[in-house]
Amino acid sequence: MFISEAKTAQSFQTDYIVNIQGRLDCNTVGVCYLVNDKVCRRSSVGSTINNFKTRWQNHKSHIRKNARSCEIATHYNSEFHELVKEPLKTFDSQLSNQLEVLIFEKLDFTNCNNQDDKVRVAKQRETFWQHQLMTLESYGGLNKRVATNELKTD
């Protein structure tokens, strides 16, 4: 419904095309993903160290509850998007008509010894893709923060 199966991914802000390697789906653990807003024609890159299904359920829940906990939820609860939050089937249908989600990279956790290492890898790759696909707000995208700025410093 929300996830588009494709061999490539592209944001609205650039002509750069990402070739998707292998089969990535909502059960894949540790990924970078692209959310393309088909209404506003703006894009956002995200990452998760968990499976994508769990991350996407969190995004949807935050949108439905009008939570301002992530950039996707904040944007889809703005004046640019009118979504009926109930019933769930109507909400899902409206949201899926307004966006496209592409899982485009499986993260390499081979050298990770713990959860913090995995988060660091995810945020580093997310930051790389924010710049490569020009999804930061300064480029016209939806990402307000550079992902590595969210990392804890010792």
C-alpha atoms as a PDB file:
ATOM      1  CA  MET A   1       0.000   0.000   0.000  1.00  0.00           C
ATOM      2  CA  PHE A   2       2.595   2.583   1.075  1.00  0.00           C
ATOM      3  CA  ILE A   3       5.803   0.933  -0.045  1.00  0.00           C
ATOM      4  CA  SER A   4       6.560   1.097  -3.740  1.00  0.00           C
ATOM      5  CA  GLU A   5       8.461  -1.819  -5.212  1.00  0.00           C
ATOM      6  CA  ALA A   6      11.017  -0.355  -7.557  1.00  0.00           C
ATOM      7  CA  LYS A   7      14.526  -0.875  -8.857  1.00  0.00           C
ATOM      8  CA  THR A   8      15.423   2.802  -8.378  1.00  0.00           C
ATOM      9  CA  ALA A   9      14.678   5.653  -5.984  1.00  0.00           C
ATOM     10  CA  GLN A  10      14.712   9.370  -6.688  1.00  0.00           C
ATOM     11  CA  SER A  11      13.761  12.412  -4.630  1.00  0.00           C
ATOM     12  CA  PHE A  12      11.863  15.395  -5.993  1.00  0.00           C
ATOM     13  CA  GLN A  13      14.856  17.684  -5.327  1.00  0.00           C
ATOM     14  CA  THR A  14      17.438  16.100  -7.645  1.00  0.00           C
ATOM     15  CA  ASP A  15      17.913  14.064 -10.797  1.00  0.00           C
ATOM     16  CA  TYR A  16      20.217  11.660  -8.920  1.00  0.00           C
ATOM     17  CA  ILE A  17      18.924   8.072  -9.136  1.00  0.00           C
ATOM     18  CA  VAL A  18      19.678   5.393  -6.532  1.00  0.00           C
ATOM     19  CA  ASN A  19      19.822   1.838  -7.865  1.00  0.00           C
ATOM     20  CA  ILE A  20      18.177  -0.436  -5.309  1.00  0.00           C
ATOM     21  CA  GLN A  21      20.246  -3.565  -4.689  1.00  0.00           C
ATOM     22  CA  GLY A  22      18.496  -6.785  -3.691  1.00  0.00           C
ATOM     23  CA  ARG A  23      15.005  -7.321  -2.347  1.00  0.00           C
ATOM     24  CA  LEU A  24      14.106  -4.915   0.443  1.00  0.00           C
ATOM     25  CA  ASP A  25      10.699  -4.998   2.110  1.00  0.00           C
ATOM     26  CA  CYS A  26       8.931  -3.943   5.300  1.00  0.00           C
ATOM     27  CA  ASN A  27      10.496  -6.852   7.244  1.00  0.00           C
ATOM     28  CA  THR A  28      14.053  -5.854   6.334  1.00  0.00           C
ATOM     29  CA  VAL A  29      16.024  -4.808   9.414  1.00  0.00           C
ATOM     30  CA  GLY A  30      18.334  -1.787   9.199  1.00  0.00           C
ATOM     31  CA  VAL A  31      17.458   0.342   6.173  1.00  0.00           C
ATOM     32  CA  CYS A  32      17.471   3.814   4.689  1.00  0.00           C
ATOM     33  CA  TYR A  33      14.191   4.879   3.111  1.00  0.00           C
ATOM     34  CA  LEU A  34      12.785   7.737   1.071  1.00  0.00           C
ATOM     35  CA  VAL A  35       9.360   9.332   1.562  1.00  0.00           C
ATOM     36  CA  ASN A  36       8.169  11.279  -1.486  1.00  0.00           C
ATOM     37  CA  ASP A  37       5.271  13.640  -0.821  1.00  0.00           C
ATOM     38  CA  LYS A  38       3.274  13.544  -4.068  1.00  0.00           C
ATOM     39  CA  VAL A  39       1.201  16.597  -3.066  1.00  0.00           C
ATOM     40  CA  CYS A  40       3.975  19.025  -2.106  1.00  0.00           C
ATOM     41  CA  ARG A  41       6.603  17.368  -4.324  1.00  0.00           C
ATOM     42  CA  ARG A  42       9.142  17.283  -1.506  1.00  0.00           C
ATOM     43  CA  SER A  43      11.116  14.345  -0.136  1.00  0.00           C
ATOM     44  CA  SER A  44      12.563  13.065   3.125  1.00  0.00           C
ATOM     45  CA  VAL A  45      15.205  10.445   3.916  1.00  0.00           C
ATOM     46  CA  GLY A  46      15.050   8.353   7.073  1.00  0.00           C
ATOM     47  CA  SER A  47      16.732   5.321   8.567  1.00  0.00           C
ATOM     48  CA  THR A  48      15.957   2.649  11.117  1.00  0.00           C
ATOM     49  CA  ILE A  49      17.962  -0.028  12.885  1.00  0.00           C
ATOM     50  CA  ASN A  50      14.757  -2.029  13.357  1.00  0.00           C
ATOM     51  CA  ASN A  51      12.549  -3.485  10.657  1.00  0.00           C
ATOM     52  CA  PHE A  52      10.906  -0.910   8.425  1.00  0.00           C
ATOM     53  CA  LYS A  53       7.395  -2.108   9.274  1.00  0.00           C
ATOM     54  CA  THR A  54       7.837  -1.015  12.895  1.00  0.00           C
ATOM     55  CA  ARG A  55       9.261   2.359  11.854  1.00  0.00           C
ATOM     56  CA  TRP A  56       6.439   3.001   9.382  1.00  0.00           C
ATOM     57  CA  GLN A  57       3.798   2.056  11.969  1.00  0.00           C
ATOM     58  CA  ASN A  58       5.358   4.672  14.269  1.00  0.00           C
ATOM     59  CA  HIS A  59       5.217   7.322  11.531  1.00  0.00           C
ATOM     60  CA  LYS A  60       1.547   6.538  10.842  1.00  0.00           C
ATOM     61  CA  SER A  61       0.666   6.540  14.536  1.00  0.00           C
ATOM     62  CA  HIS A  62       2.345   9.927  15.053  1.00  0.00           C
ATOM     63  CA  ILE A  63       0.490  11.380  12.068  1.00  0.00           C
ATOM     64  CA  ARG A  64      -2.876  10.047  13.310  1.00  0.00           C
ATOM     65  CA  LYS A  65      -2.266  11.351  16.864  1.00  0.00           C
ATOM     66  CA  ASN A  66      -1.043  14.728  15.595  1.00  0.00           C
ATOM     67  CA  ALA A  67       2.279  14.141  17.354  1.00  0.00           C
ATOM     68  CA  ARG A  68       5.114  16.447  16.373  1.00  0.00           C
ATOM     69  CA  SER A  69       7.760  13.861  17.210  1.00  0.00           C
ATOM     70  CA  CYS A  70       9.239  13.463  13.741  1.00  0.00           C
ATOM     71  CA  GLU A  71       9.476  15.516  10.571  1.00  0.00           C
ATOM     72  CA  ILE A  72       7.122  13.268   8.602  1.00  0.00           C
ATOM     73  CA  ALA A  73       4.364  13.546  11.224  1.00  0.00           C
ATOM     74  CA  THR A  74       4.849  17.295  11.575  1.00  0.00           C
ATOM     75  CA  HIS A  75       4.621  17.779   7.818  1.00  0.00           C
ATOM     76  CA  TYR A  76       1.569  15.560   7.288  1.00  0.00           C
ATOM     77  CA  ASN A  77      -0.231  17.356  10.113  1.00  0.00           C
ATOM     78  CA  SER A  78       0.366  20.726   8.466  1.00  0.00           C
ATOM     79  CA  GLU A  79      -1.990  22.868   6.427  1.00  0.00           C
ATOM     80  CA  PHE A  80      -0.705  21.198   3.243  1.00  0.00           C
ATOM     81  CA  HIS A  81      -2.401  17.897   4.053  1.00  0.00           C
ATOM     82  CA  GLU A  82      -5.951  17.255   5.122  1.00  0.00           C
ATOM     83  CA  LEU A  83      -6.288  13.704   6.375  1.00  0.00           C
ATOM     84  CA  VAL A  84      -9.335  12.084   7.930  1.00  0.00           C
ATOM     85  CA  LYS A  85      -7.866  10.235  10.920  1.00  0.00           C
ATOM     86  CA  GLU A  86     -10.792   7.830  11.454  1.00  0.00           C
ATOM     87  CA  PRO A  87     -11.640   5.222  10.382  1.00  0.00           C
ATOM     88  CA  LEU A  88      -8.189   3.717   9.921  1.00  0.00           C
ATOM     89  CA  LYS A  89      -9.012   2.369   6.447  1.00  0.00           C
ATOM     90  CA  THR A  90      -9.904   5.882   5.209  1.00  0.00           C
ATOM     91  CA  PHE A  91      -6.765   7.338   6.815  1.00  0.00           C
ATOM     92  CA  ASP A  92      -4.547   4.673   5.211  1.00  0.00           C
ATOM     93  CA  SER A  93      -6.150   5.210   1.814  1.00  0.00           C
ATOM     94  CA  GLN A  94      -5.765   8.997   1.925  1.00  0.00           C
ATOM     95  CA  LEU A  95      -2.185   8.839   3.168  1.00  0.00           C
ATOM     96  CA  SER A  96      -1.144   6.264   0.563  1.00  0.00           C
ATOM     97  CA  ASN A  97      -2.557   8.532  -2.168  1.00  0.00           C
ATOM     98  CA  GLN A  98      -0.401  11.406  -0.925  1.00  0.00           C
ATOM     99  CA  LEU A  99       2.966   9.723  -0.555  1.00  0.00           C
ATOM    100  CA  GLU A 100       5.319   7.098  -1.879  1.00  0.00           C
ATOM    101  CA  VAL A 101       7.783   5.182   0.295  1.00  0.00           C
ATOM    102  CA  LEU A 102      10.888   3.521  -1.129  1.00  0.00           C
ATOM    103  CA  ILE A 103      13.265   1.372   0.904  1.00  0.00           C
ATOM    104  CA  PHE A 104      16.519   1.781  -0.980  1.00  0.00           C
ATOM    105  CA  GLU A 105      19.482   0.670   1.142  1.00  0.00           C
ATOM    106  CA  LYS A 106      20.196  -2.211   3.514  1.00  0.00           C
ATOM    107  CA  LEU A 107      22.542  -0.965   6.228  1.00  0.00           C
ATOM    108  CA  ASP A 108      25.781  -2.839   6.906  1.00  0.00           C
ATOM    109  CA  PHE A 109      26.015  -3.634  10.618  1.00  0.00           C
ATOM    110  CA  THR A 110      28.898  -6.122  10.184  1.00  0.00           C
ATOM    111  CA  ASN A 111      31.338  -4.126  12.341  1.00  0.00           C
ATOM    112  CA  CYS A 112      28.766  -3.089  14.948  1.00  0.00           C
ATOM    113  CA  ASN A 113      29.287  -4.389  18.473  1.00  0.00           C
ATOM    114  CA  ASN A 114      26.199  -2.847  20.065  1.00  0.00           C
ATOM    115  CA  GLN A 115      23.053  -0.785  19.557  1.00  0.00           C
ATOM    116  CA  ASP A 116      24.917   2.551  19.667  1.00  0.00           C
ATOM    117  CA  ASP A 117      27.199   1.396  16.832  1.00  0.00           C
ATOM    118  CA  LYS A 118      24.147   0.499  14.734  1.00  0.00           C
ATOM    119  CA  VAL A 119      22.544   3.888  15.404  1.00  0.00           C
ATOM    120  CA  ARG A 120      25.786   5.621  14.397  1.00  0.00           C
ATOM    121  CA  VAL A 121      25.940   3.675  11.089  1.00  0.00           C
ATOM    122  CA  ALA A 122      22.264   4.435  10.396  1.00  0.00           C
ATOM    123  CA  LYS A 123      22.644   8.161  11.087  1.00  0.00           C
ATOM    124  CA  GLN A 124      25.836   8.384   9.013  1.00  0.00           C
ATOM    125  CA  ARG A 125      24.164   6.740   6.017  1.00  0.00           C
ATOM    126  CA  GLU A 126      21.003   8.821   6.487  1.00  0.00           C
ATOM    127  CA  THR A 127      23.121  12.000   6.481  1.00  0.00           C
ATOM    128  CA  PHE A 128      24.944  10.871   3.329  1.00  0.00           C
ATOM    129  CA  TRP A 129      21.616  10.279   1.559  1.00  0.00           C
ATOM    130  CA  GLN A 130      20.086  13.539   2.845  1.00  0.00           C
ATOM    131  CA  HIS A 131      22.837  15.365   0.966  1.00  0.00           C
ATOM    132  CA  GLN A 132      22.985  13.043  -2.059  1.00  0.00           C
ATOM    133  CA  LEU A 133      19.198  13.194  -2.616  1.00  0.00           C
ATOM    134  CA  MET A 134      19.013  16.826  -1.452  1.00  0.00           C
ATOM    135  CA  THR A 135      16.202  16.170   1.040  1.00  0.00           C
ATOM    136  CA  LEU A 136      17.349  18.730   3.612  1.00  0.00           C
ATOM    137  CA  GLU A 137      15.122  21.764   4.029  1.00  0.00           C
ATOM    138  CA  SER A 138      17.931  24.006   2.731  1.00  0.00           C
ATOM    139  CA  TYR A 139      17.617  22.150  -0.620  1.00  0.00           C
ATOM    140  CA  GLY A 140      13.807  22.326  -0.592  1.00  0.00           C
ATOM    141  CA  GLY A 141      13.267  18.909   1.016  1.00  0.00           C
ATOM    142  CA  LEU A 142      11.449  17.878   4.186  1.00  0.00           C
ATOM    143  CA  ASN A 143      14.422  16.959   6.414  1.00  0.00           C
ATOM    144  CA  LYS A 144      14.947  19.776   8.909  1.00  0.00           C
ATOM    145  CA  ARG A 145      17.918  18.243  10.752  1.00  0.00           C
ATOM    146  CA  VAL A 146      21.096  16.577   9.562  1.00  0.00           C
ATOM    147  CA  ALA A 147      20.832  13.033  10.938  1.00  0.00           C
ATOM    148  CA  THR A 148      24.343  12.869  12.465  1.00  0.00           C
ATOM    149  CA  ASN A 149      23.545  15.954  14.555  1.00  0.00           C
ATOM    150  CA  GLU A 150      21.189  13.705  16.545  1.00  0.00           C
ATOM    151  CA  LEU A 151      24.016  11.415  17.698  1.00  0.00           C
ATOM    152  CA  LYS A 152      25.098  11.450  21.343  1.00  0.00           C
ATOM    153  CA  THR A 153      28.577  12.778  21.932  1.00  0.00           C
ATOM    154  CA  ASP A 154      30.704  11.387  24.754  1.00  0.00           C
END
